[in-house]
């Protein structure tokens, strides 16, 4: 019996430890460049420079894996070697490389932006090594730069899911992708961001970021709003998912209708970062299998098509200045797992993303293409024989 008690106690502790583990999207490190090597005044020898510290982006990493790989959060590059009679010029110390996932934004201890690493193998110098000893330094090697840096991860995905808790975001992610999020009929089943991949028959892949449900006041960091809202900054499409029956966080909170939840989500995003509302957006009205869902949908659909009219009827504190425009409105019941509905949603998502990419390409390269065509046209006119 004692043996069983010990085993059960171990299992209990293990479970608690597992539940305490969390998604890491911020990591602080103390970095110091290598100290320069000493010079040799007798021969005018120069010491080797200290090594630099670089942060390099790599695919397939998480900040959690980075934290586990690093033996310490104090990282120092190799010092330069001293000048000697056998080697007048000392060797430079080896650089130190810190590999991080793509999407990391790097700040110093004063929250000053140092740089962003969004592409594979992109690199940022965060601590320069000290100069080697020479006549100018009295033949003493100089210390390397030292500072505390913050690695702030913002997920890079094609689609960001936005909604209140228990709206069906995790159900959607499971239905369209290979992800296996926790799903249950109570709020906050998603406690950390998750990525899923929608795969198409022609091998096209679209990434989806499922973020923990927002609550009113998310822009003020209530419910860790900033921690989650920042992850939609790098997405190309905002996909709102709302419960047609509305939402009530608890018996102590006001129950919000479906339209109210849309307006409040609009308001929270605007207060956090207004530019996010310029992104293309679509909305899924979920749980059409519930009571009176069809009549509610018939009532609210015109308002969703022109949300500004409904916004004007809301209390002033709820009204956003910039109203989101939905390119597509998709009513469905995600829990029913209707294959045709899921395929239709996947098709509409792809169509909107492709259109967005075409428009973006036209803006970025349109002027370049037109100048190139004009140049070709002039060359043809110059070199083409004139027919008399």
Protein backbone atom coordinates (compact mmCIF):
# COMPACT_ATOMS: atom_id res chain seq x y z
CA UNK A 1 0.00 0.00 0.00
CA UNK A 2 2.88 2.30 0.79
CA UNK A 3 4.35 1.52 -2.61
CA UNK A 4 1.11 2.42 -4.39
CA UNK A 5 0.85 5.65 -2.42
CA UNK A 6 4.34 6.66 -3.51
CA UNK A 7 3.57 5.85 -7.13
CA UNK A 8 0.35 7.86 -7.03
CA UNK A 9 2.13 10.75 -5.36
CA UNK A 10 4.74 10.74 -8.13
CA UNK A 11 2.05 10.70 -10.80
CA UNK A 12 0.28 13.60 -9.09
CA UNK A 13 3.46 15.68 -8.94
CA UNK A 14 4.26 14.88 -12.57
CA UNK A 15 0.81 16.03 -13.69
CA UNK A 16 1.12 19.30 -11.81
CA UNK A 17 4.55 19.92 -13.26
CA UNK A 18 3.15 19.31 -16.74
CA UNK A 19 0.27 21.71 -16.17
CA UNK A 20 2.70 24.37 -14.97
CA UNK A 21 4.67 24.18 -18.23
CA UNK A 22 3.65 26.96 -20.60
CA UNK A 23 4.20 28.42 -24.04
CA UNK A 24 7.24 30.69 -23.93
CA UNK A 25 7.15 33.76 -26.17
CA UNK A 26 9.56 36.00 -24.23
CA UNK A 27 13.10 35.25 -23.13
CA UNK A 28 15.64 37.56 -21.46
CA UNK A 29 19.39 36.99 -21.87
CA UNK A 30 22.49 38.78 -20.63
CA UNK A 31 25.02 38.94 -23.48
CA UNK A 32 28.65 40.07 -23.33
CA UNK A 33 31.13 40.29 -26.18
CA UNK A 34 34.53 38.68 -25.68
CA UNK A 35 37.35 40.70 -24.06
CA UNK A 36 40.18 41.73 -26.38
CA UNK A 37 43.55 40.03 -25.92
CA UNK A 38 46.50 41.91 -24.39
CA UNK A 39 49.06 43.53 -26.71
CA UNK A 40 52.84 43.18 -26.41
CA UNK A 41 54.50 46.57 -26.00
CA UNK A 42 58.04 45.18 -26.50
CA UNK A 43 57.30 44.29 -30.13
CA UNK A 44 54.30 46.51 -30.78
CA UNK A 45 52.14 43.39 -30.86
CA UNK A 46 48.35 43.66 -31.12
CA UNK A 47 46.01 41.44 -29.13
CA UNK A 48 43.17 39.58 -30.84
CA UNK A 49 39.69 41.12 -30.84
CA UNK A 50 37.05 39.52 -28.63
CA UNK A 51 34.31 37.48 -30.29
CA UNK A 52 30.92 38.98 -31.17
CA UNK A 53 27.50 37.60 -30.23
CA UNK A 54 24.92 37.18 -32.98
CA UNK A 55 21.29 36.10 -32.90
CA UNK A 56 20.37 34.01 -35.97
CA UNK A 57 16.88 32.88 -37.05
CA UNK A 58 16.28 29.22 -37.87
CA UNK A 59 13.16 27.27 -38.76
CA UNK A 60 11.90 24.49 -36.50
CA UNK A 61 12.77 26.16 -33.20
CA UNK A 62 10.77 27.49 -30.26
CA UNK A 63 11.88 29.84 -27.50
CA UNK A 64 11.26 26.96 -25.11
CA UNK A 65 13.80 24.80 -26.97
CA UNK A 66 16.23 27.74 -27.06
CA UNK A 67 15.95 28.18 -23.28
CA UNK A 68 16.54 24.45 -22.76
CA UNK A 69 19.57 24.40 -25.08
CA UNK A 70 21.32 27.33 -23.41
CA UNK A 71 23.25 26.24 -20.33
CA UNK A 72 22.94 29.72 -18.84
CA UNK A 73 21.09 32.95 -19.55
CA UNK A 74 24.42 34.77 -19.26
CA UNK A 75 26.21 34.35 -22.58
CA UNK A 76 29.78 35.49 -23.20
CA UNK A 77 31.76 35.23 -26.43
CA UNK A 78 35.32 33.90 -26.51
CA UNK A 79 38.11 36.37 -25.62
CA UNK A 80 40.83 37.27 -28.11
CA UNK A 81 44.25 35.69 -27.61
CA UNK A 82 47.17 37.72 -26.27
CA UNK A 83 50.01 38.91 -28.49
CA UNK A 84 53.24 36.99 -27.91
CA UNK A 85 56.74 36.69 -29.29
CA UNK A 86 55.57 33.70 -31.36
CA UNK A 87 52.45 35.43 -32.57
CA UNK A 88 52.71 39.21 -32.77
CA UNK A 89 49.06 39.56 -33.80
CA UNK A 90 46.73 37.66 -31.48
CA UNK A 91 43.88 35.55 -32.86
CA UNK A 92 40.34 36.89 -32.63
CA UNK A 93 37.97 35.10 -30.25
CA UNK A 94 35.27 32.90 -31.76
CA UNK A 95 31.85 34.47 -32.25
CA UNK A 96 28.91 33.13 -30.26
CA UNK A 97 25.72 32.30 -32.18
CA UNK A 98 22.31 32.19 -30.49
CA UNK A 99 19.77 30.44 -32.74
CA UNK A 100 16.13 31.50 -32.35
CA UNK A 101 12.85 30.86 -34.20
CA UNK A 102 11.79 33.10 -37.06
CA UNK A 103 9.54 35.95 -35.94
CA UNK A 104 11.66 37.04 -32.99
CA UNK A 105 11.83 40.77 -32.21
CA UNK A 106 14.85 41.85 -30.14
CA UNK A 107 14.86 44.72 -27.64
CA UNK A 108 17.50 45.99 -25.20
CA UNK A 109 16.89 46.53 -21.48
CA UNK A 110 15.37 49.96 -22.20
CA UNK A 111 12.81 48.44 -24.61
CA UNK A 112 14.63 50.00 -27.59
CA UNK A 113 14.15 47.92 -30.73
CA UNK A 114 17.40 46.34 -31.93
CA UNK A 115 15.98 44.39 -34.85
CA UNK A 116 13.61 41.72 -36.17
CA UNK A 117 14.48 38.29 -37.54
CA UNK A 118 11.71 37.17 -39.88
CA UNK A 119 13.66 35.25 -42.52
CA UNK A 120 15.65 32.03 -42.30
CA UNK A 121 19.34 32.72 -41.50
CA UNK A 122 18.73 36.45 -40.88
CA UNK A 123 21.29 37.68 -38.35
CA UNK A 124 21.62 40.48 -35.78
CA UNK A 125 24.71 41.59 -33.85
CA UNK A 126 23.73 42.05 -30.18
CA UNK A 127 27.13 42.36 -28.45
CA UNK A 128 30.39 43.44 -30.11
CA UNK A 129 33.69 42.03 -28.88
CA UNK A 130 36.32 44.30 -27.33
CA UNK A 131 39.34 45.56 -29.28
CA UNK A 132 42.65 43.83 -28.82
CA UNK A 133 45.39 45.63 -26.91
CA UNK A 134 47.47 48.04 -29.01
CA UNK A 135 49.43 51.27 -28.63
CA UNK A 136 46.16 53.25 -28.63
CA UNK A 137 44.80 51.24 -25.68
CA UNK A 138 48.04 51.04 -23.74
CA UNK A 139 48.33 47.43 -24.93
CA UNK A 140 45.40 46.44 -22.72
CA UNK A 141 42.54 44.49 -24.26
CA UNK A 142 39.16 46.23 -24.03
CA UNK A 143 36.05 44.63 -22.59
CA UNK A 144 33.27 43.60 -24.95
CA UNK A 145 29.84 45.21 -25.06
CA UNK A 146 27.44 43.99 -22.41
CA UNK A 147 23.66 44.30 -22.25
CA UNK A 148 20.42 42.52 -21.40
CA UNK A 149 18.32 41.65 -24.45
CA UNK A 150 14.70 40.54 -24.66
CA UNK A 151 13.69 38.02 -27.32
CA UNK A 152 10.01 38.58 -28.07
CA UNK A 153 8.40 35.98 -30.34
CA UNK A 154 5.53 36.94 -32.62
CA UNK A 155 4.14 33.94 -34.48
CA UNK A 156 4.33 34.06 -38.27
CA UNK A 157 1.18 32.58 -39.81
CA UNK A 158 -1.13 33.18 -42.76
CA UNK A 159 -4.28 33.28 -40.62
CA UNK A 160 -4.89 34.50 -37.08
CA UNK A 161 -7.99 33.21 -35.28
CA UNK A 162 -9.78 35.88 -33.24
CA UNK A 163 -12.63 35.25 -30.83
CA UNK A 164 -13.88 35.04 -27.28
CA UNK A 165 -13.34 31.84 -25.27
CA UNK A 166 -15.35 28.75 -26.27
CA UNK A 167 -16.36 30.22 -29.65
CA UNK A 168 -14.99 27.23 -31.59
CA UNK A 169 -11.48 28.31 -32.61
CA UNK A 170 -9.84 25.06 -31.52
CA UNK A 171 -12.63 23.04 -33.15
CA UNK A 172 -11.97 24.90 -36.39
CA UNK A 173 -8.21 24.32 -36.17
CA UNK A 174 -8.72 20.60 -35.61
CA UNK A 175 -11.22 20.36 -38.47
CA UNK A 176 -9.05 22.02 -41.13
CA UNK A 177 -5.52 21.07 -40.10
CA UNK A 178 -3.29 18.43 -38.56
CA UNK A 179 -3.26 20.15 -35.16
CA UNK A 180 -4.73 18.45 -32.08
CA UNK A 181 -5.81 21.23 -29.71
CA UNK A 182 -7.71 20.55 -26.50
CA UNK A 183 -11.46 20.92 -27.04
CA UNK A 184 -14.13 21.08 -24.32
CA UNK A 185 -17.39 22.86 -23.57
CA UNK A 186 -15.94 25.45 -21.19
CA UNK A 187 -13.92 28.68 -21.66
CA UNK A 188 -10.13 28.89 -21.91
CA UNK A 189 -9.43 25.35 -23.14
CA UNK A 190 -6.69 26.96 -25.24
CA UNK A 191 -4.14 28.40 -22.81
CA UNK A 192 -1.25 28.86 -25.22
CA UNK A 193 -1.03 29.74 -28.95
CA UNK A 194 -1.02 26.79 -31.37
CA UNK A 195 -0.13 26.51 -35.04
CA UNK A 196 -1.90 24.27 -37.53
CA UNK A 197 -1.36 23.72 -41.25
CA UNK A 198 -4.15 23.50 -43.82
CA UNK A 199 -2.97 21.17 -46.59
CA UNK A 200 -4.47 21.18 -50.08
CA UNK A 201 -4.42 18.49 -52.77
CA UNK A 202 -1.97 20.50 -54.92
CA UNK A 203 0.48 20.62 -51.95
CA UNK A 204 -0.35 24.23 -51.08
CA UNK A 205 -0.06 24.86 -47.33
CA UNK A 206 -1.61 27.65 -45.25
CA UNK A 207 -0.65 28.14 -41.60
CA UNK A 208 -3.24 28.99 -38.95
CA UNK A 209 -2.51 30.47 -35.50
CA UNK A 210 -5.06 29.56 -32.82
CA UNK A 211 -4.79 32.12 -30.03
CA UNK A 212 -6.29 31.80 -26.55
CA UNK A 213 -9.68 33.51 -26.31
CA UNK A 214 -9.71 37.24 -25.70
CA UNK A 215 -11.84 38.92 -23.05
CA UNK A 216 -13.08 42.47 -22.63
CA UNK A 217 -10.13 44.65 -21.64
CA UNK A 218 -7.59 42.61 -23.62
CA UNK A 219 -6.05 45.83 -24.98
CA UNK A 220 -5.17 46.74 -21.36
CA UNK A 221 -3.51 43.32 -20.97
CA UNK A 222 -6.45 41.91 -18.98
CA UNK A 223 -6.32 38.13 -19.34
CA UNK A 224 -2.80 38.53 -20.78
CA UNK A 225 -4.32 40.29 -23.80
CA UNK A 226 -1.04 41.79 -25.07
CA UNK A 227 0.64 38.40 -24.82
CA UNK A 228 -1.88 36.97 -27.29
CA UNK A 229 -2.86 39.97 -29.44
CA UNK A 230 0.76 40.48 -30.55
CA UNK A 231 0.63 37.16 -32.38
CA UNK A 232 -1.89 38.42 -34.96
CA UNK A 233 0.48 41.21 -36.05
CA UNK A 234 2.34 38.89 -38.45
CA UNK A 235 -0.70 37.24 -40.01
CA UNK A 236 -2.18 38.02 -43.44
CA UNK A 237 -5.83 37.34 -42.68
CA UNK A 238 -7.94 37.82 -39.55
CA UNK A 239 -10.51 35.07 -39.12
CA UNK A 240 -13.15 35.98 -36.53
CA UNK A 241 -15.00 33.02 -35.00
CA UNK A 242 -18.06 33.84 -32.91
CA UNK A 243 -20.83 31.89 -31.19
CA UNK A 244 -24.22 32.70 -32.70
CA UNK A 245 -25.70 32.52 -29.19
CA UNK A 246 -23.28 35.16 -27.90
CA UNK A 247 -20.91 34.86 -24.95
CA UNK A 248 -20.89 35.20 -21.17
CA UNK A 249 -17.59 34.67 -19.35
CA UNK A 250 -19.31 33.88 -16.03
CA UNK A 251 -22.47 34.62 -14.06
CA UNK A 252 -20.78 37.79 -12.78
CA UNK A 253 -20.32 39.15 -16.30
CA UNK A 254 -22.79 40.69 -18.75
CA UNK A 255 -24.04 38.34 -21.45
CA UNK A 256 -23.12 39.63 -24.90
CA UNK A 257 -25.07 38.88 -28.07
CA UNK A 258 -23.35 37.58 -31.18
CA UNK A 259 -23.20 41.07 -32.71
CA UNK A 260 -21.93 42.54 -29.45
CA UNK A 261 -19.04 40.06 -29.38
CA UNK A 262 -18.06 41.08 -32.92
CA UNK A 263 -18.12 44.78 -32.00
CA UNK A 264 -16.13 44.16 -28.80
CA UNK A 265 -13.49 42.14 -30.67
CA UNK A 266 -13.30 44.97 -33.20
CA UNK A 267 -12.86 47.47 -30.33
CA UNK A 268 -10.18 45.43 -28.53
CA UNK A 269 -8.09 45.07 -31.70
CA UNK A 270 -8.46 48.78 -32.49
CA UNK A 271 -7.36 49.81 -28.99
CA UNK A 272 -4.37 47.47 -29.16
CA UNK A 273 -3.22 48.40 -32.68
CA UNK A 274 -5.60 50.15 -35.14
CA UNK A 275 -3.56 49.20 -38.23
CA UNK A 276 -4.49 45.55 -37.71
CA UNK A 277 -8.03 46.38 -38.85
CA UNK A 278 -6.67 47.24 -42.30
CA UNK A 279 -5.91 43.56 -42.83
CA UNK A 280 -8.42 41.45 -44.80
CA UNK A 281 -10.93 39.78 -42.49
CA UNK A 282 -13.60 37.11 -42.69
CA UNK A 283 -15.96 35.72 -40.06
CA UNK A 284 -17.33 32.29 -39.17
CA UNK A 285 -20.68 32.29 -37.34
CA UNK A 286 -20.43 29.04 -35.39
CA UNK A 287 -22.89 26.72 -33.59
CA UNK A 288 -25.73 26.85 -36.10
CA UNK A 289 -26.90 23.54 -34.63
CA UNK A 290 -28.15 25.32 -31.47
CA UNK A 291 -31.68 26.55 -30.64
CA UNK A 292 -33.12 29.38 -32.79
CA UNK A 293 -29.79 29.69 -34.64
CA UNK A 294 -31.42 30.14 -38.07
CA UNK A 295 -33.68 32.97 -36.93
CA UNK A 296 -30.79 34.71 -35.13
CA UNK A 297 -28.64 34.41 -38.26
CA UNK A 298 -31.39 35.90 -40.42
CA UNK A 299 -31.62 38.83 -38.01
CA UNK A 300 -27.89 39.59 -37.66
CA UNK A 301 -26.54 38.88 -41.16
CA UNK A 302 -27.48 42.31 -42.63
CA UNK A 303 -25.72 44.01 -39.69
CA UNK A 304 -22.57 41.94 -40.26
CA UNK A 305 -22.53 43.00 -43.91
CA UNK A 306 -22.46 46.64 -42.79
CA UNK A 307 -21.31 46.66 -39.18
CA UNK A 308 -21.07 50.47 -38.97
CA UNK A 309 -24.87 50.80 -38.77
CA UNK A 310 -25.09 48.46 -35.80
CA UNK A 311 -22.08 50.06 -34.09
CA UNK A 312 -23.90 53.40 -33.96
CA UNK A 313 -26.60 51.80 -31.79
CA UNK A 314 -24.11 50.41 -29.25
CA UNK A 315 -23.09 52.15 -25.99
CA UNK A 316 -20.41 54.75 -26.63
CA UNK A 317 -17.70 52.84 -24.74
CA UNK A 318 -18.19 49.87 -27.10
CA UNK A 319 -18.05 51.84 -30.36
CA UNK A 320 -14.84 51.49 -32.39
CA UNK A 321 -13.74 54.40 -34.58
CA UNK A 322 -12.57 52.05 -37.32
CA UNK A 323 -15.06 49.31 -38.20
CA UNK A 324 -13.89 45.96 -39.53
CA UNK A 325 -15.17 44.95 -42.97
CA UNK A 326 -15.75 41.25 -43.53
CA UNK A 327 -14.90 40.00 -47.01
CA UNK A 328 -16.81 36.80 -46.34
CA UNK A 329 -19.43 35.66 -43.79
CA UNK A 330 -19.59 31.90 -43.26
CA UNK A 331 -22.36 30.45 -41.06
CA UNK A 332 -21.72 26.83 -40.00
CA UNK A 333 -21.60 24.28 -37.21
CA UNK A 334 -17.97 23.27 -36.81
CA UNK A 335 -18.74 20.51 -34.33
CA UNK A 336 -20.92 18.69 -36.90
CA UNK A 337 -17.76 17.90 -38.92
CA UNK A 338 -19.61 18.32 -42.22
CA UNK A 339 -16.88 17.58 -44.76
CA UNK A 340 -18.45 19.69 -47.52
CA UNK A 341 -18.70 22.72 -45.22
CA UNK A 342 -15.08 22.35 -44.11
CA UNK A 343 -13.85 22.03 -47.71
CA UNK A 344 -15.89 25.09 -48.67
CA UNK A 345 -14.34 27.10 -45.82
CA UNK A 346 -10.83 25.96 -46.82
CA UNK A 347 -11.54 27.00 -50.43
CA UNK A 348 -12.84 30.45 -49.43
CA UNK A 349 -9.84 31.05 -47.16
CA UNK A 350 -7.43 30.18 -49.94
CA UNK A 351 -9.29 32.36 -52.44
CA UNK A 352 -9.12 35.41 -50.15
CA UNK A 353 -5.43 34.87 -49.34
CA UNK A 354 -4.55 34.47 -53.04
CA UNK A 355 -6.41 37.67 -53.89
CA UNK A 356 -4.63 39.48 -51.06
CA UNK A 357 -1.22 38.28 -52.30
CA UNK A 358 -2.03 39.38 -55.87
CA UNK A 359 -3.01 42.86 -54.68
CA UNK A 360 0.09 43.11 -52.51
CA UNK A 361 2.29 42.05 -55.43
CA UNK A 362 0.62 44.61 -57.71
CA UNK A 363 1.28 47.41 -55.20
CA UNK A 364 4.89 46.38 -54.56
CA UNK A 365 5.88 45.53 -58.13
CA UNK A 366 3.33 47.35 -60.28
CA UNK A 367 5.47 50.46 -60.84
CA UNK A 368 8.54 48.33 -61.51
CA UNK A 369 6.69 46.20 -64.07
CA UNK A 370 5.29 49.25 -65.88
CA UNK A 371 8.74 50.88 -66.09
CA UNK A 372 10.20 47.65 -67.43
CA UNK A 373 7.50 47.39 -70.12
CA UNK A 374 8.09 51.00 -71.17
CA UNK A 375 11.82 50.32 -71.46
CA UNK A 376 11.23 47.21 -73.61
CA UNK A 377 8.82 49.14 -75.80
CA UNK A 378 11.38 51.91 -76.40
CA UNK A 379 14.10 49.38 -77.25
CA UNK A 380 11.81 47.65 -79.75
CA UNK A 381 11.00 50.98 -81.40
CA UNK A 382 14.73 51.78 -81.67
CA UNK A 383 15.83 48.46 -83.15
CA UNK A 384 12.81 47.23 -85.11
CA UNK A 385 13.13 47.95 -88.87
CA UNK A 386 10.71 50.58 -90.14
CA UNK A 387 8.34 49.28 -92.81
CA UNK A 388 7.94 51.81 -95.64
